[in-house]
N, C-alpha and C. Protein backbone atom coordinates (compact mmCIF):
# COMPACT_ATOMS: atom_id res chain seq x y z
N MET A 1 34.18 167.92 135.66
CA MET A 1 33.93 166.58 136.95
C MET A 1 34.95 166.88 137.84
N LYS A 2 35.85 167.13 138.65
CA LYS A 2 36.76 166.70 139.44
C LYS A 2 36.22 166.18 140.74
N LEU A 3 37.48 164.82 140.88
CA LEU A 3 37.28 164.04 141.93
C LEU A 3 36.59 164.34 143.38
N SER A 4 35.84 163.43 143.34
CA SER A 4 35.17 164.59 145.27
C SER A 4 36.03 163.93 146.49
N ASN A 5 36.25 164.82 147.29
CA ASN A 5 36.54 164.60 148.51
C ASN A 5 36.18 163.54 148.49
N SER A 6 36.13 162.39 148.84
CA SER A 6 36.12 161.26 149.54
C SER A 6 36.71 160.16 149.29
N PHE A 7 37.13 160.68 147.86
CA PHE A 7 38.16 159.62 146.93
C PHE A 7 39.46 160.14 146.89
N SER A 8 39.48 161.25 147.23
CA SER A 8 41.03 161.81 147.54
C SER A 8 41.14 161.42 148.49
N GLY A 9 40.67 161.26 149.49
CA GLY A 9 41.53 161.06 151.16
C GLY A 9 41.47 159.61 150.97
N ALA A 10 40.78 158.90 149.73
CA ALA A 10 40.70 157.05 150.31
C ALA A 10 42.38 157.78 148.52
N LEU A 11 42.41 157.60 148.54
CA LEU A 11 43.47 157.70 146.75
C LEU A 11 44.58 157.83 148.06
N ARG A 12 44.85 159.19 148.63
CA ARG A 12 45.55 160.41 149.45
C ARG A 12 46.03 158.83 150.45
N THR A 13 45.05 158.10 151.46
CA THR A 13 45.66 157.55 152.75
C THR A 13 46.40 155.77 152.62
N PHE A 14 45.51 155.79 151.48
CA PHE A 14 46.25 154.43 150.64
C PHE A 14 48.07 155.04 150.43
N THR A 15 47.73 155.95 149.19
CA THR A 15 49.14 156.10 149.19
C THR A 15 50.28 156.37 150.04
N TYR A 16 49.49 156.67 151.41
CA TYR A 16 50.92 157.52 152.43
C TYR A 16 51.31 155.83 152.57
N PHE A 17 50.03 154.92 153.34
CA PHE A 17 50.55 153.63 153.50
C PHE A 17 51.11 153.02 153.02
N ILE A 18 50.91 153.36 151.88
CA ILE A 18 51.76 152.17 150.54
C ILE A 18 53.10 152.51 150.40
N ALA A 19 53.61 154.28 150.47
CA ALA A 19 54.62 154.28 150.32
C ALA A 19 54.94 154.71 151.88
N SER A 20 54.68 154.96 152.70
CA SER A 20 55.80 154.49 153.82
C SER A 20 56.17 153.76 154.62
N GLY A 21 55.32 152.66 153.59
CA GLY A 21 56.39 151.13 154.20
C GLY A 21 55.62 150.89 155.40
N THR A 22 54.59 151.45 155.66
CA THR A 22 53.18 151.32 156.86
C THR A 22 52.26 150.61 157.08
N HIS A 23 52.01 150.00 155.28
CA HIS A 23 50.49 148.97 155.42
C HIS A 23 50.16 147.83 156.64
N TYR A 24 48.95 148.23 157.39
CA TYR A 24 49.05 146.75 158.34
C TYR A 24 49.32 145.65 157.63
N GLN A 25 48.63 145.38 156.00
CA GLN A 25 48.40 144.47 155.52
C GLN A 25 49.62 143.47 154.57
N LEU A 26 50.52 144.62 154.97
CA LEU A 26 51.68 144.26 154.13
C LEU A 26 53.22 143.94 155.19
N LYS A 27 52.81 144.02 156.16
CA LYS A 27 53.73 143.98 157.77
C LYS A 27 54.31 143.13 157.88
N GLY A 28 55.78 142.86 157.62
CA GLY A 28 56.64 141.94 156.94
C GLY A 28 56.91 141.70 155.71
N VAL A 29 56.29 142.26 154.79
CA VAL A 29 55.84 141.89 153.21
C VAL A 29 57.24 143.09 152.87
N GLU A 30 58.11 143.28 151.99
CA GLU A 30 59.66 143.59 151.89
C GLU A 30 59.14 144.40 150.39
N TYR A 31 58.59 145.16 150.19
CA TYR A 31 58.21 145.94 148.93
C TYR A 31 58.44 147.09 148.61
N LEU A 32 59.38 147.95 149.37
CA LEU A 32 59.67 148.91 149.20
C LEU A 32 60.55 149.14 148.30
N LYS A 33 61.42 148.32 148.21
CA LYS A 33 62.61 148.35 146.81
C LYS A 33 61.57 148.16 145.46
N LEU A 34 60.41 148.02 145.32
CA LEU A 34 59.81 147.70 144.37
C LEU A 34 59.62 149.34 143.42
N PHE A 35 59.61 150.40 144.60
CA PHE A 35 59.32 151.76 144.11
C PHE A 35 61.13 151.97 143.68
N GLY A 36 61.28 152.06 142.45
CA GLY A 36 62.05 152.98 141.11
C GLY A 36 62.11 151.93 140.78
N SER A 37 62.80 150.22 141.02
CA SER A 37 63.07 149.68 140.51
C SER A 37 62.38 148.38 139.65
N GLU A 38 61.24 148.53 140.00
CA GLU A 38 59.83 147.94 139.65
C GLU A 38 58.65 147.97 139.51
N PRO A 39 58.49 149.95 138.77
CA PRO A 39 57.45 150.66 139.41
C PRO A 39 56.04 149.46 138.93
N SER A 40 56.32 148.93 137.38
CA SER A 40 55.52 148.61 137.31
C SER A 40 54.61 147.44 138.47
N ALA A 41 55.31 146.82 139.42
CA ALA A 41 54.37 146.60 139.99
C ALA A 41 53.52 147.34 140.85
N ILE A 42 54.02 148.49 140.69
CA ILE A 42 53.36 149.55 141.97
C ILE A 42 52.08 150.11 141.34
N GLU A 43 52.52 150.48 139.54
CA GLU A 43 51.31 150.69 139.43
C GLU A 43 50.32 149.75 138.71
N GLN A 44 50.47 148.86 138.70
CA GLN A 44 49.73 147.37 138.89
C GLN A 44 48.34 147.64 140.11
N ALA A 45 48.90 147.70 141.06
CA ALA A 45 48.06 148.18 142.25
C ALA A 45 47.27 149.15 142.32
N TYR A 46 48.34 149.72 141.71
CA TYR A 46 47.41 151.49 141.72
C TYR A 46 46.39 151.45 140.90
N ALA A 47 46.52 150.51 140.01
CA ALA A 47 45.35 149.74 138.70
C ALA A 47 44.14 149.41 139.16
N ILE A 48 44.64 148.21 139.84
CA ILE A 48 43.91 147.44 141.31
C ILE A 48 42.84 148.02 141.77
N PHE A 49 43.64 148.82 142.58
CA PHE A 49 42.49 150.12 143.51
C PHE A 49 41.84 151.17 142.85
N ALA A 50 42.28 151.54 141.83
CA ALA A 50 41.33 151.90 140.52
C ALA A 50 39.94 151.82 140.59
N ASN A 51 40.43 150.20 140.03
CA ASN A 51 38.88 149.82 139.49
C ASN A 51 37.93 149.61 140.50
N VAL A 52 38.62 148.88 141.34
CA VAL A 52 37.34 147.76 142.58
C VAL A 52 37.24 149.52 143.75
N ILE A 53 37.27 150.17 143.48
CA ILE A 53 36.41 151.43 144.53
C ILE A 53 35.51 152.01 143.78
N GLU A 54 34.67 151.38 144.47
CA GLU A 54 33.16 152.03 144.06
C GLU A 54 32.44 153.51 144.95
N LEU A 55 32.25 154.70 143.72
CA LEU A 55 31.79 155.75 144.53
C LEU A 55 30.16 155.74 144.25
N ASP A 56 29.69 156.62 145.26
CA ASP A 56 27.63 156.39 145.33
C ASP A 56 27.57 157.83 144.13
N GLU A 57 25.83 158.01 143.80
CA GLU A 57 26.20 159.28 143.24
C GLU A 57 26.63 160.35 143.24
N ASP A 58 27.33 160.69 144.80
CA ASP A 58 27.61 162.23 145.50
C ASP A 58 29.26 161.99 145.20
N GLY A 59 29.85 161.10 144.86
CA GLY A 59 31.28 159.98 144.61
C GLY A 59 31.96 159.79 146.52
N ASN A 60 30.45 160.03 147.52
CA ASN A 60 31.45 158.78 148.34
C ASN A 60 31.84 157.58 148.00
N VAL A 61 33.00 157.69 148.26
CA VAL A 61 33.55 156.07 148.87
C VAL A 61 32.18 155.28 149.11
N LEU A 62 32.46 153.72 148.97
CA LEU A 62 31.51 152.79 149.57
C LEU A 62 32.60 151.55 150.06
N ASN A 63 33.51 151.64 149.41
CA ASN A 63 34.35 150.25 149.69
C ASN A 63 36.24 150.76 149.65
N ALA A 64 36.83 151.72 150.57
CA ALA A 64 38.02 151.64 149.71
C ALA A 64 38.72 150.32 150.50
N LYS A 65 38.29 149.85 152.04
CA LYS A 65 39.19 148.59 152.66
C LYS A 65 38.96 148.04 151.94
N HIS A 66 38.63 147.64 150.97
CA HIS A 66 38.47 146.65 149.82
C HIS A 66 39.33 146.76 149.03
N ALA A 67 38.97 147.92 148.79
CA ALA A 67 39.58 148.15 147.33
C ALA A 67 41.51 148.05 148.08
N GLU A 68 42.21 148.34 148.90
CA GLU A 68 42.90 148.60 149.38
C GLU A 68 43.61 146.84 149.63
N LYS A 69 42.36 146.06 150.09
CA LYS A 69 42.92 145.18 150.44
C LYS A 69 42.92 143.92 149.49
N ARG A 70 42.56 144.80 148.05
CA ARG A 70 43.26 144.07 146.61
C ARG A 70 44.28 144.16 145.83
N ALA A 71 44.55 145.37 146.45
CA ALA A 71 45.69 145.84 145.98
C ALA A 71 46.71 145.16 146.73
N VAL A 72 46.42 145.50 147.82
CA VAL A 72 47.76 145.01 148.80
C VAL A 72 48.12 143.56 148.50
N ASP A 73 47.12 143.10 147.81
CA ASP A 73 47.14 141.25 148.30
C ASP A 73 48.23 141.23 147.02
N TYR A 74 47.86 142.21 145.94
CA TYR A 74 48.81 142.14 144.77
C TYR A 74 49.89 142.33 144.73
N ILE A 75 50.29 143.17 145.89
CA ILE A 75 52.00 143.64 146.19
C ILE A 75 52.73 142.06 146.85
N ARG A 76 51.34 141.36 148.01
CA ARG A 76 51.93 140.62 148.51
C ARG A 76 52.87 138.80 147.46
N SER A 77 51.20 139.44 147.04
CA SER A 77 51.69 138.26 146.35
C SER A 77 52.70 138.45 145.10
N TYR A 78 53.28 139.68 144.88
CA TYR A 78 53.83 139.98 143.99
C TYR A 78 55.33 139.24 144.60
N CYS A 79 55.70 139.87 145.85
CA CYS A 79 56.74 140.04 146.49
C CYS A 79 57.02 138.18 147.23
N GLU A 80 55.89 137.45 147.74
CA GLU A 80 55.63 136.20 148.14
C GLU A 80 54.85 135.54 147.41
N PRO A 81 55.78 134.85 146.59
CA PRO A 81 55.10 133.97 145.55
C PRO A 81 54.56 132.89 145.98
N ASP A 82 54.29 132.20 147.08
CA ASP A 82 53.78 131.26 147.75
C ASP A 82 52.06 132.14 147.93
N PHE A 83 51.74 133.21 148.44
CA PHE A 83 50.60 133.95 148.66
C PHE A 83 50.12 133.97 147.64
N LYS A 84 48.47 133.59 148.02
CA LYS A 84 47.63 132.80 146.53
C LYS A 84 46.34 134.21 147.95
N VAL A 85 45.95 135.36 146.06
CA VAL A 85 44.86 136.24 146.06
C VAL A 85 43.48 135.42 146.04
N GLU A 86 43.09 135.61 147.68
CA GLU A 86 41.71 134.99 147.49
C GLU A 86 40.85 136.51 147.47
N PRO A 87 39.76 136.39 146.59
CA PRO A 87 39.31 135.37 145.38
C PRO A 87 40.15 136.10 144.15
N PRO A 88 41.02 134.78 144.08
CA PRO A 88 41.66 134.94 142.70
C PRO A 88 41.81 136.35 141.67
N TYR A 89 41.62 137.49 141.26
CA TYR A 89 41.95 138.72 140.70
C TYR A 89 40.83 137.98 139.35
N GLU A 90 39.67 139.02 138.78
CA GLU A 90 38.63 138.96 137.80
C GLU A 90 39.59 139.83 136.91
N ASP A 91 39.17 139.95 135.51
CA ASP A 91 40.28 140.85 135.05
C ASP A 91 39.49 141.66 134.92
N TRP A 92 38.57 142.58 134.81
CA TRP A 92 38.57 143.86 135.07
C TRP A 92 39.00 144.35 136.32
N GLU A 93 39.24 143.89 137.36
CA GLU A 93 39.96 144.83 138.78
C GLU A 93 41.80 144.92 138.20
N THR A 94 42.36 144.25 137.41
CA THR A 94 44.03 144.32 137.09
C THR A 94 43.94 144.86 135.01
N GLU A 95 42.51 145.60 134.62
CA GLU A 95 43.51 146.48 133.13
C GLU A 95 43.23 147.45 133.85
N LEU A 96 44.47 147.73 133.13
CA LEU A 96 45.26 148.24 132.60
C LEU A 96 44.06 149.69 131.96
N HIS A 97 44.13 151.35 132.48
CA HIS A 97 43.30 152.25 131.51
C HIS A 97 44.60 152.40 131.35
């Protein structure tokens, strides 16, 4: 089975805004330096995105913005230790598969 176009589009959009430094939820956060120097932080953000995103039985994404928020909150908390993720992550959200 292939990933749905809906999921591919959500992942592509998330990747574009993260990699370009233009994600609106990370405005003013200096995170681009993580690429190449601390790739595990980016890996964790993508794991959160993948663990949180939900699809219906046809593969249509149901919660792209929520999955993005959970992922970018991790990046922000990584770069700004005073930022508190609310609600705190549950174990299943941060698992690396």
